[in-house]
Amino acid sequence: MLAMTERAYFDWNATAPLREEARLASVAALGLTGNASSVHAEGRAARRLIEDARGRVAALLGAEARNVTFTSGATEANMMALTPALEVGGRKEQRDQLFVAAIEHPSVRCGGRFAPDQVEELSVTADGVVDLVALQAALKKSSRPLVSVMLANNETGAVQPIRAISEIVHAASGILHVDAVQGPGRIDCNIVTLGADLMSISSHKLGGPQGAGALVCRADIHIGEPLVKGGAQERGLRAGTENVAAIAGFGAAAAIAGKTDTARIAALRDRFEASLTKSAPQAVIFSRSAPRLPNTTLFTVPGLKAETAVIAFDLNGIAVSSGSACSSGKVQASHVLSAMGVEPGLARGAVRISLGWSTTEADIEMLLTAWNKVVSSLLNKHANAA
């Protein structure tokens, strides 16, 4: 069996390794006794950790701390945001239709708290970018739309033109929600600069512990109907005793997320892609012509089966993914590639690598060595079949 030191991790888009600062913050929080809703000294100490973390998450996104609501993760944050019951500037303005990009996370594609007949998918280009012309046409069907588009795709890494989308949505009297979980520490996530009204992020995607996330609102946007009811926590927006340890770790990770050397990571990704196409000229890199996250490559070669490749990489000490890690380990056809018009046989072979702050040149060497074994086996199989 391979020792952990002999492995290299390339599944950062699924979950990032825990930052040491986040681990220490969570461990320290676990040493506290008080409930953050209690008024005694112990309760106030727990409350202080939550509010400190709230300020750090807000600073990461260019938001006001009072507009950050902690959740159990981005999936819950998405569900909280996708409601017809939104208030703008203190006015109840019921949203009459939800538009979601066809490449969204399943927690967005399911439509949140909208009825199924109120949800419509927005088409994307062959590069996996929202079709702005189609968006403008779709919004004519609604007088008060809510639109949800992710900042960057978790599978292909394609970055969406959120600022342009925001201008189109607002011109149609709409509200824009952005699932930004893949953005922090990689690309700009400032809610004001992007023009987003609602934004979801996740702790474990940026080096914090699993079990925490946040919904961030523009100053004049308010969720009119809580998703989790039964208590006054999170200013009445999310009932239940707060996960103080996870939130404290989340805050610590948020405080250092912007210090990631993205230029170095992009150079490592580009080196892998250059070697990949040299060893397999027939390789396809999805969304290569679109702006992408600096750490992500989704690729395949004709005849490759993703499940076989992922297992082969794993046996060679490399952790990669077949795409999204939100389906309980299932390897299945990607709805993202389907929306991009990729032929099903090719889509079934898609393998994703995603890098992060601790990825090294040695890790890339291990990845390339493993890939050469995988592609050699594939080519030999094709040769024997011929």
Protein backbone atom coordinates (compact mmCIF):
# COMPACT_ATOMS: atom_id res chain seq x y z
CA MET A 1 0.00 0.00 0.00
CA LEU A 2 1.29 3.48 -0.85
CA ALA A 3 2.26 5.76 2.01
CA MET A 4 0.60 9.16 2.12
CA THR A 5 3.96 10.79 1.30
CA GLU A 6 3.89 8.95 -2.02
CA ARG A 7 0.61 10.49 -3.07
CA ALA A 8 -0.20 13.74 -4.84
CA TYR A 9 -3.56 15.47 -4.48
CA PHE A 10 -5.25 16.98 -7.54
CA ASP A 11 -8.87 17.26 -6.41
CA TRP A 12 -8.89 20.74 -4.89
CA ASN A 13 -12.17 21.72 -6.54
CA ALA A 14 -13.87 18.96 -4.56
CA THR A 15 -12.30 19.99 -1.26
CA ALA A 16 -9.11 21.80 -0.32
CA PRO A 17 -6.73 20.51 2.33
CA LEU A 18 -7.36 22.11 5.71
CA ARG A 19 -5.26 25.20 6.28
CA GLU A 20 -3.17 25.01 9.46
CA GLU A 21 -4.55 28.37 10.56
CA ALA A 22 -8.09 27.03 10.14
CA ARG A 23 -7.30 23.85 12.08
CA LEU A 24 -5.86 25.82 14.99
CA ALA A 25 -8.84 28.18 15.04
CA SER A 26 -11.30 25.28 15.05
CA VAL A 27 -9.44 23.41 17.78
CA ALA A 28 -9.35 26.55 19.94
CA ALA A 29 -13.10 27.01 19.43
CA LEU A 30 -13.76 23.41 20.45
CA GLY A 31 -12.19 24.28 23.79
CA LEU A 32 -14.96 26.78 24.56
CA THR A 33 -18.05 25.79 26.52
CA GLY A 34 -20.60 28.54 25.93
CA ASN A 35 -23.55 28.68 23.54
CA ALA A 36 -23.23 31.74 21.32
CA SER A 37 -26.84 32.70 22.12
CA SER A 38 -26.16 32.91 25.86
CA VAL A 39 -25.47 36.26 27.49
CA HIS A 40 -22.92 35.10 30.06
CA ALA A 41 -19.16 35.39 29.55
CA GLU A 42 -18.83 31.91 28.07
CA GLY A 43 -21.60 32.60 25.55
CA ARG A 44 -20.10 35.96 24.65
CA ALA A 45 -16.74 34.31 23.97
CA ALA A 46 -18.37 31.96 21.46
CA ARG A 47 -20.29 34.86 19.93
CA ARG A 48 -17.05 36.80 19.52
CA LEU A 49 -15.54 33.99 17.44
CA ILE A 50 -18.57 33.93 15.15
CA GLU A 51 -18.58 37.69 14.63
CA ASP A 52 -14.83 37.77 14.01
CA ALA A 53 -15.29 35.10 11.34
CA ARG A 54 -18.23 36.99 9.87
CA GLY A 55 -16.03 40.05 9.44
CA ARG A 56 -13.30 38.03 7.75
CA VAL A 57 -15.68 36.38 5.29
CA ALA A 58 -17.23 39.76 4.52
CA ALA A 59 -13.80 41.29 3.88
CA LEU A 60 -12.94 38.46 1.47
CA LEU A 61 -16.01 39.28 -0.62
CA GLY A 62 -16.07 43.06 -0.24
CA ALA A 63 -19.32 42.87 1.69
CA GLU A 64 -20.65 44.22 4.99
CA ALA A 65 -20.42 41.82 7.92
CA ARG A 66 -24.10 42.28 8.80
CA ASN A 67 -25.00 40.87 5.36
CA VAL A 68 -23.18 37.54 5.89
CA THR A 69 -25.36 34.62 7.02
CA PHE A 70 -23.59 31.43 8.07
CA THR A 71 -24.98 28.09 6.86
CA SER A 72 -23.92 24.45 6.86
CA GLY A 73 -22.37 24.88 3.41
CA ALA A 74 -22.91 26.36 -0.03
CA THR A 75 -25.70 23.91 -0.88
CA GLU A 76 -27.78 25.29 1.97
CA ALA A 77 -26.78 28.84 1.06
CA ASN A 78 -28.00 28.22 -2.49
CA MET A 79 -31.30 26.85 -1.24
CA MET A 80 -31.71 29.86 1.04
CA ALA A 81 -31.05 32.30 -1.81
CA LEU A 82 -33.31 30.66 -4.39
CA THR A 83 -36.63 31.80 -3.01
CA PRO A 84 -39.42 33.88 -4.55
CA ALA A 85 -39.67 35.72 -1.20
CA LEU A 86 -36.99 38.36 -1.61
CA GLU A 87 -37.14 41.90 -0.27
CA VAL A 88 -35.42 44.79 -2.00
CA GLY A 89 -34.90 48.00 -0.04
CA GLY A 90 -37.49 46.90 2.49
CA ARG A 91 -40.11 46.18 -0.19
CA LYS A 92 -41.48 42.70 -0.69
CA GLU A 93 -40.96 41.93 -4.36
CA GLN A 94 -42.01 38.35 -5.01
CA ARG A 95 -39.89 36.83 -7.79
CA ASP A 96 -42.06 35.23 -10.45
CA GLN A 97 -39.47 33.08 -12.24
CA LEU A 98 -36.04 31.54 -11.68
CA PHE A 99 -33.49 31.26 -14.48
CA VAL A 100 -30.44 29.04 -13.90
CA ALA A 101 -27.52 28.27 -16.17
CA ALA A 102 -27.54 24.70 -17.51
CA ILE A 103 -24.05 24.13 -16.03
CA GLU A 104 -25.01 24.93 -12.43
CA HIS A 105 -24.44 22.79 -9.35
CA PRO A 106 -27.36 20.39 -8.67
CA SER A 107 -28.41 22.45 -5.64
CA VAL A 108 -29.12 25.33 -8.04
CA ARG A 109 -30.53 23.30 -10.92
CA CYS A 110 -33.15 21.78 -8.59
CA GLY A 111 -34.71 25.23 -8.35
CA GLY A 112 -34.51 25.91 -4.64
CA ARG A 113 -37.90 26.97 -3.31
CA PHE A 114 -39.43 27.73 -6.70
CA ALA A 115 -42.11 25.50 -8.19
CA PRO A 116 -40.79 23.35 -11.07
CA ASP A 117 -42.84 25.26 -13.65
CA GLN A 118 -41.20 28.51 -12.49
CA VAL A 119 -37.67 27.31 -13.31
CA GLU A 120 -36.00 27.65 -16.70
CA GLU A 121 -32.48 26.69 -17.75
CA LEU A 122 -30.24 29.09 -19.65
CA SER A 123 -28.15 27.74 -22.51
CA VAL A 124 -24.37 27.96 -22.68
CA THR A 125 -21.89 28.11 -25.54
CA ALA A 126 -19.62 25.26 -26.61
CA ASP A 127 -17.01 26.77 -24.27
CA GLY A 128 -19.37 26.47 -21.30
CA VAL A 129 -20.11 30.18 -20.97
CA VAL A 130 -23.62 31.56 -20.55
CA ASP A 131 -25.08 32.76 -23.86
CA LEU A 132 -25.77 36.43 -23.17
CA VAL A 133 -28.09 36.85 -26.14
CA ALA A 134 -30.17 33.89 -24.99
CA LEU A 135 -30.19 35.33 -21.47
CA GLN A 136 -31.60 38.65 -22.68
CA ALA A 137 -34.31 36.86 -24.65
CA ALA A 138 -35.25 34.62 -21.72
CA LEU A 139 -35.63 37.49 -19.26
CA LYS A 140 -38.36 39.03 -21.41
CA LYS A 141 -40.64 36.27 -20.12
CA SER A 142 -40.55 37.60 -16.56
CA SER A 143 -41.32 40.91 -14.86
CA ARG A 144 -39.38 40.10 -11.67
CA PRO A 145 -36.80 37.40 -12.44
CA LEU A 146 -34.22 35.80 -10.18
CA VAL A 147 -31.16 34.58 -12.09
CA SER A 148 -28.53 32.18 -10.73
CA VAL A 149 -25.17 31.80 -12.50
CA MET A 150 -22.02 30.34 -10.94
CA LEU A 151 -18.85 32.42 -10.90
CA ALA A 152 -16.68 29.58 -12.19
CA ASN A 153 -17.59 26.05 -13.16
CA ASN A 154 -16.37 23.34 -10.81
CA GLU A 155 -15.75 20.88 -13.66
CA THR A 156 -14.30 22.88 -16.57
CA GLY A 157 -13.06 25.91 -14.62
CA ALA A 158 -14.80 28.23 -17.11
CA VAL A 159 -15.29 31.68 -15.59
CA GLN A 160 -18.59 33.35 -16.33
CA PRO A 161 -18.90 37.04 -17.38
CA ILE A 162 -20.71 37.91 -14.16
CA ARG A 163 -20.41 41.67 -14.53
CA ALA A 164 -22.02 41.60 -17.99
CA ILE A 165 -24.67 39.16 -16.76
CA SER A 166 -25.38 41.47 -13.82
CA GLU A 167 -26.01 44.42 -16.12
CA ILE A 168 -28.43 42.38 -18.24
CA VAL A 169 -30.28 41.05 -15.18
CA HIS A 170 -30.59 44.43 -13.50
CA ALA A 171 -31.82 46.04 -16.72
CA ALA A 172 -34.65 43.48 -16.62
CA SER A 173 -35.51 44.37 -12.99
CA GLY A 174 -33.97 41.09 -11.89
CA ILE A 175 -31.87 39.89 -8.99
CA LEU A 176 -28.63 37.96 -9.55
CA HIS A 177 -27.43 35.12 -7.34
CA VAL A 178 -23.88 33.85 -7.84
CA ASP A 179 -22.60 30.50 -6.58
CA ALA A 180 -18.98 31.56 -6.01
CA VAL A 181 -17.58 28.52 -4.22
CA GLN A 182 -14.71 28.00 -6.69
CA GLY A 183 -13.63 31.64 -6.69
CA PRO A 184 -12.03 32.69 -3.39
CA GLY A 185 -8.25 32.66 -3.55
CA ARG A 186 -8.29 32.13 -7.33
CA ILE A 187 -10.14 35.02 -8.97
CA ASP A 188 -11.89 38.24 -7.95
CA CYS A 189 -14.90 37.57 -5.72
CA ASN A 190 -15.85 41.12 -4.75
CA ILE A 191 -19.64 41.20 -4.63
CA VAL A 192 -19.75 44.90 -5.50
CA THR A 193 -17.29 44.70 -8.41
CA LEU A 194 -19.09 41.69 -9.86
CA GLY A 195 -22.49 43.31 -9.46
CA ALA A 196 -23.99 40.29 -7.69
CA ASP A 197 -26.94 40.66 -5.32
CA LEU A 198 -26.56 37.32 -3.54
CA MET A 199 -23.44 35.17 -3.28
CA SER A 200 -22.82 31.68 -1.86
CA ILE A 201 -19.44 30.38 -0.71
CA SER A 202 -18.16 27.31 1.10
CA SER A 203 -15.56 26.92 3.83
CA HIS A 204 -13.96 23.67 2.69
CA LYS A 205 -13.34 24.92 -0.85
CA LEU A 206 -10.90 27.56 0.44
CA GLY A 207 -9.10 25.59 3.15
CA GLY A 208 -11.55 25.80 6.03
CA PRO A 209 -13.33 22.86 7.68
CA GLN A 210 -16.27 21.09 6.11
CA GLY A 211 -19.70 21.92 7.52
CA ALA A 212 -19.73 25.71 7.09
CA GLY A 213 -20.70 28.08 4.33
CA ALA A 214 -22.26 31.49 3.90
CA LEU A 215 -24.83 33.43 1.94
CA VAL A 216 -23.79 37.03 1.38
CA CYS A 217 -26.35 39.64 0.38
CA ARG A 218 -26.12 43.07 -1.14
CA ALA A 219 -26.93 45.70 1.48
CA ASP A 220 -30.54 46.27 0.34
CA ILE A 221 -31.44 42.62 -0.38
CA HIS A 222 -33.13 40.56 2.33
CA ILE A 223 -34.32 36.95 2.42
CA GLY A 224 -38.01 37.23 3.21
CA GLU A 225 -38.55 33.61 4.20
CA PRO A 226 -35.95 31.67 6.26
CA LEU A 227 -35.06 28.21 5.00
CA VAL A 228 -34.45 26.78 8.50
CA LYS A 229 -36.98 28.03 11.04
CA GLY A 230 -37.29 27.65 14.80
CA GLY A 231 -34.83 30.09 16.33
CA ALA A 232 -33.46 33.59 16.16
CA GLN A 233 -29.89 32.67 15.25
CA GLU A 234 -28.25 34.49 12.33
CA ARG A 235 -30.66 37.42 12.78
CA GLY A 236 -33.60 35.09 12.31
CA LEU A 237 -32.44 33.85 8.92
CA ARG A 238 -31.04 30.47 9.94
CA ALA A 239 -32.29 28.74 13.09
CA GLY A 240 -30.16 26.31 15.09
CA THR A 241 -27.13 26.49 17.34
CA GLU A 242 -24.18 27.71 15.31
CA ASN A 243 -21.29 25.40 14.43
CA VAL A 244 -18.80 27.65 16.19
CA ALA A 245 -15.71 25.52 15.55
CA ALA A 246 -16.36 25.22 11.81
CA ILE A 247 -17.25 28.90 11.52
CA ALA A 248 -14.07 29.93 13.36
CA GLY A 249 -12.00 27.80 10.98
CA PHE A 250 -13.91 29.24 8.04
CA GLY A 251 -13.01 32.75 9.14
CA ALA A 252 -9.34 31.86 9.55
CA ALA A 253 -9.23 30.36 6.03
CA ALA A 254 -11.04 33.36 4.57
CA ALA A 255 -8.48 35.71 6.10
CA ILE A 256 -5.62 34.13 4.12
CA ALA A 257 -7.44 32.98 0.98
CA GLY A 258 -6.25 35.99 -0.99
CA LYS A 259 -2.59 35.19 -0.35
CA THR A 260 -2.54 32.22 -2.72
CA ASP A 261 0.10 32.47 -5.48
CA THR A 262 -2.27 31.98 -8.41
CA ALA A 263 0.39 32.81 -11.02
CA ARG A 264 2.54 29.91 -9.83
CA ILE A 265 -0.44 27.57 -9.81
CA ALA A 266 -1.46 28.64 -13.33
CA ALA A 267 2.08 27.95 -14.55
CA LEU A 268 1.94 24.42 -13.12
CA ARG A 269 -1.45 23.83 -14.73
CA ASP A 270 -0.16 25.10 -18.08
CA ARG A 271 2.89 22.83 -17.81
CA PHE A 272 0.64 19.83 -17.30
CA GLU A 273 -1.53 20.78 -20.27
CA ALA A 274 1.49 21.23 -22.54
CA SER A 275 2.85 17.80 -21.58
CA LEU A 276 -0.62 16.27 -21.89
CA THR A 277 -1.10 17.44 -25.48
CA LYS A 278 2.47 16.50 -26.39
CA SER A 279 2.02 12.91 -25.21
CA ALA A 280 -1.51 12.70 -26.60
CA PRO A 281 -2.08 15.17 -29.47
CA GLN A 282 -5.66 13.94 -29.72
CA ALA A 283 -6.40 15.13 -26.18
CA VAL A 284 -9.33 17.48 -25.69
CA ILE A 285 -9.16 20.18 -23.01
CA PHE A 286 -12.65 21.44 -22.32
CA SER A 287 -13.36 25.20 -22.15
CA ARG A 288 -9.77 25.88 -23.20
CA SER A 289 -10.84 28.87 -25.28
CA ALA A 290 -12.75 30.49 -22.42
CA PRO A 291 -11.39 32.34 -19.39
CA ARG A 292 -10.72 29.63 -16.80
CA LEU A 293 -9.74 29.23 -13.19
CA PRO A 294 -5.93 29.15 -12.96
CA ASN A 295 -5.96 25.76 -11.24
CA THR A 296 -8.37 23.62 -13.32
CA THR A 297 -8.09 21.29 -16.31
CA LEU A 298 -10.89 19.04 -17.54
CA PHE A 299 -9.62 16.78 -20.31
CA THR A 300 -10.02 13.50 -22.12
CA VAL A 301 -8.73 11.52 -25.07
CA PRO A 302 -11.01 9.54 -27.38
CA GLY A 303 -11.59 6.07 -25.97
CA LEU A 304 -10.75 6.99 -22.38
CA LYS A 305 -13.22 5.91 -19.70
CA ALA A 306 -13.24 8.26 -16.73
CA GLU A 307 -13.92 5.60 -14.10
CA THR A 308 -11.03 3.44 -15.34
CA ALA A 309 -8.71 6.46 -15.53
CA VAL A 310 -9.56 7.71 -12.04
CA ILE A 311 -8.86 4.26 -10.59
CA ALA A 312 -5.61 3.98 -12.56
CA PHE A 313 -4.45 7.38 -11.31
CA ASP A 314 -5.36 6.39 -7.76
CA LEU A 315 -3.36 3.17 -7.98
CA ASN A 316 -0.41 5.30 -9.07
CA GLY A 317 -0.74 7.60 -6.05
CA ILE A 318 -2.68 10.40 -7.73
CA ALA A 319 -6.06 11.73 -6.58
CA VAL A 320 -8.06 13.15 -9.49
CA SER A 321 -11.77 13.38 -10.26
CA SER A 322 -14.13 12.57 -13.07
CA GLY A 323 -15.70 16.01 -12.64
CA SER A 324 -18.09 17.03 -9.89
CA ALA A 325 -17.68 15.37 -6.48
CA CYS A 326 -21.29 15.98 -5.45
CA SER A 327 -22.79 12.64 -6.45
CA SER A 328 -21.64 10.31 -3.66
CA GLY A 329 -18.67 9.01 -5.63
CA LYS A 330 -20.69 8.14 -8.72
CA VAL A 331 -19.00 8.40 -12.09
CA GLN A 332 -21.71 9.47 -14.49
CA ALA A 333 -22.22 11.59 -17.58
CA SER A 334 -21.57 15.26 -16.90
CA HIS A 335 -24.57 17.57 -17.28
CA VAL A 336 -22.04 20.37 -17.81
CA LEU A 337 -20.48 18.75 -20.87
CA SER A 338 -23.92 17.77 -22.14
CA ALA A 339 -25.01 21.42 -21.95
CA MET A 340 -21.88 22.34 -23.92
CA GLY A 341 -22.89 19.94 -26.69
CA VAL A 342 -20.04 17.47 -26.09
CA GLU A 343 -20.61 14.06 -27.69
CA PRO A 344 -21.64 11.59 -24.92
CA GLY A 345 -18.86 9.09 -25.62
CA LEU A 346 -16.24 11.80 -25.25
CA ALA A 347 -17.93 13.29 -22.18
CA ARG A 348 -17.84 9.94 -20.39
CA GLY A 349 -14.04 10.03 -20.50
CA ALA A 350 -13.59 13.46 -18.89
CA VAL A 351 -11.03 13.63 -16.08
CA ARG A 352 -10.50 16.72 -13.94
CA ILE A 353 -7.33 17.82 -12.24
CA SER A 354 -7.39 20.79 -9.90
CA LEU A 355 -4.41 22.30 -8.10
CA GLY A 356 -3.91 24.45 -5.01
CA TRP A 357 -1.48 26.39 -2.86
CA SER A 358 0.58 23.36 -1.78
CA THR A 359 0.90 21.78 -5.25
CA THR A 360 4.57 21.43 -6.21
CA GLU A 361 6.68 20.73 -9.27
CA ALA A 362 7.26 17.24 -7.85
CA ASP A 363 3.50 16.68 -7.73
CA ILE A 364 3.22 17.62 -11.40
CA GLU A 365 6.02 15.16 -12.21
CA MET A 366 4.10 12.42 -10.39
CA LEU A 367 0.94 13.35 -12.27
CA LEU A 368 2.67 13.27 -15.65
CA THR A 369 4.33 9.93 -14.88
CA ALA A 370 0.96 8.46 -13.97
CA TRP A 371 -0.67 9.98 -17.06
CA ASN A 372 1.98 8.51 -19.36
CA LYS A 373 1.19 5.07 -17.93
CA VAL A 374 -2.55 5.61 -18.41
CA VAL A 375 -2.25 6.87 -21.99
CA SER A 376 0.27 4.16 -22.93
CA SER A 377 -2.14 1.51 -21.70
CA LEU A 378 -4.96 3.13 -23.66
CA LEU A 379 -2.95 3.35 -26.87
CA ASN A 380 -1.78 -0.26 -26.52
CA LYS A 381 -5.39 -1.37 -26.02
CA HIS A 382 -6.45 0.44 -29.19
CA ALA A 383 -3.52 -1.04 -31.12
CA ASN A 384 -4.39 -4.57 -30.02
CA ALA A 385 -8.05 -4.02 -30.88
CA ALA A 386 -7.05 -2.96 -34.39
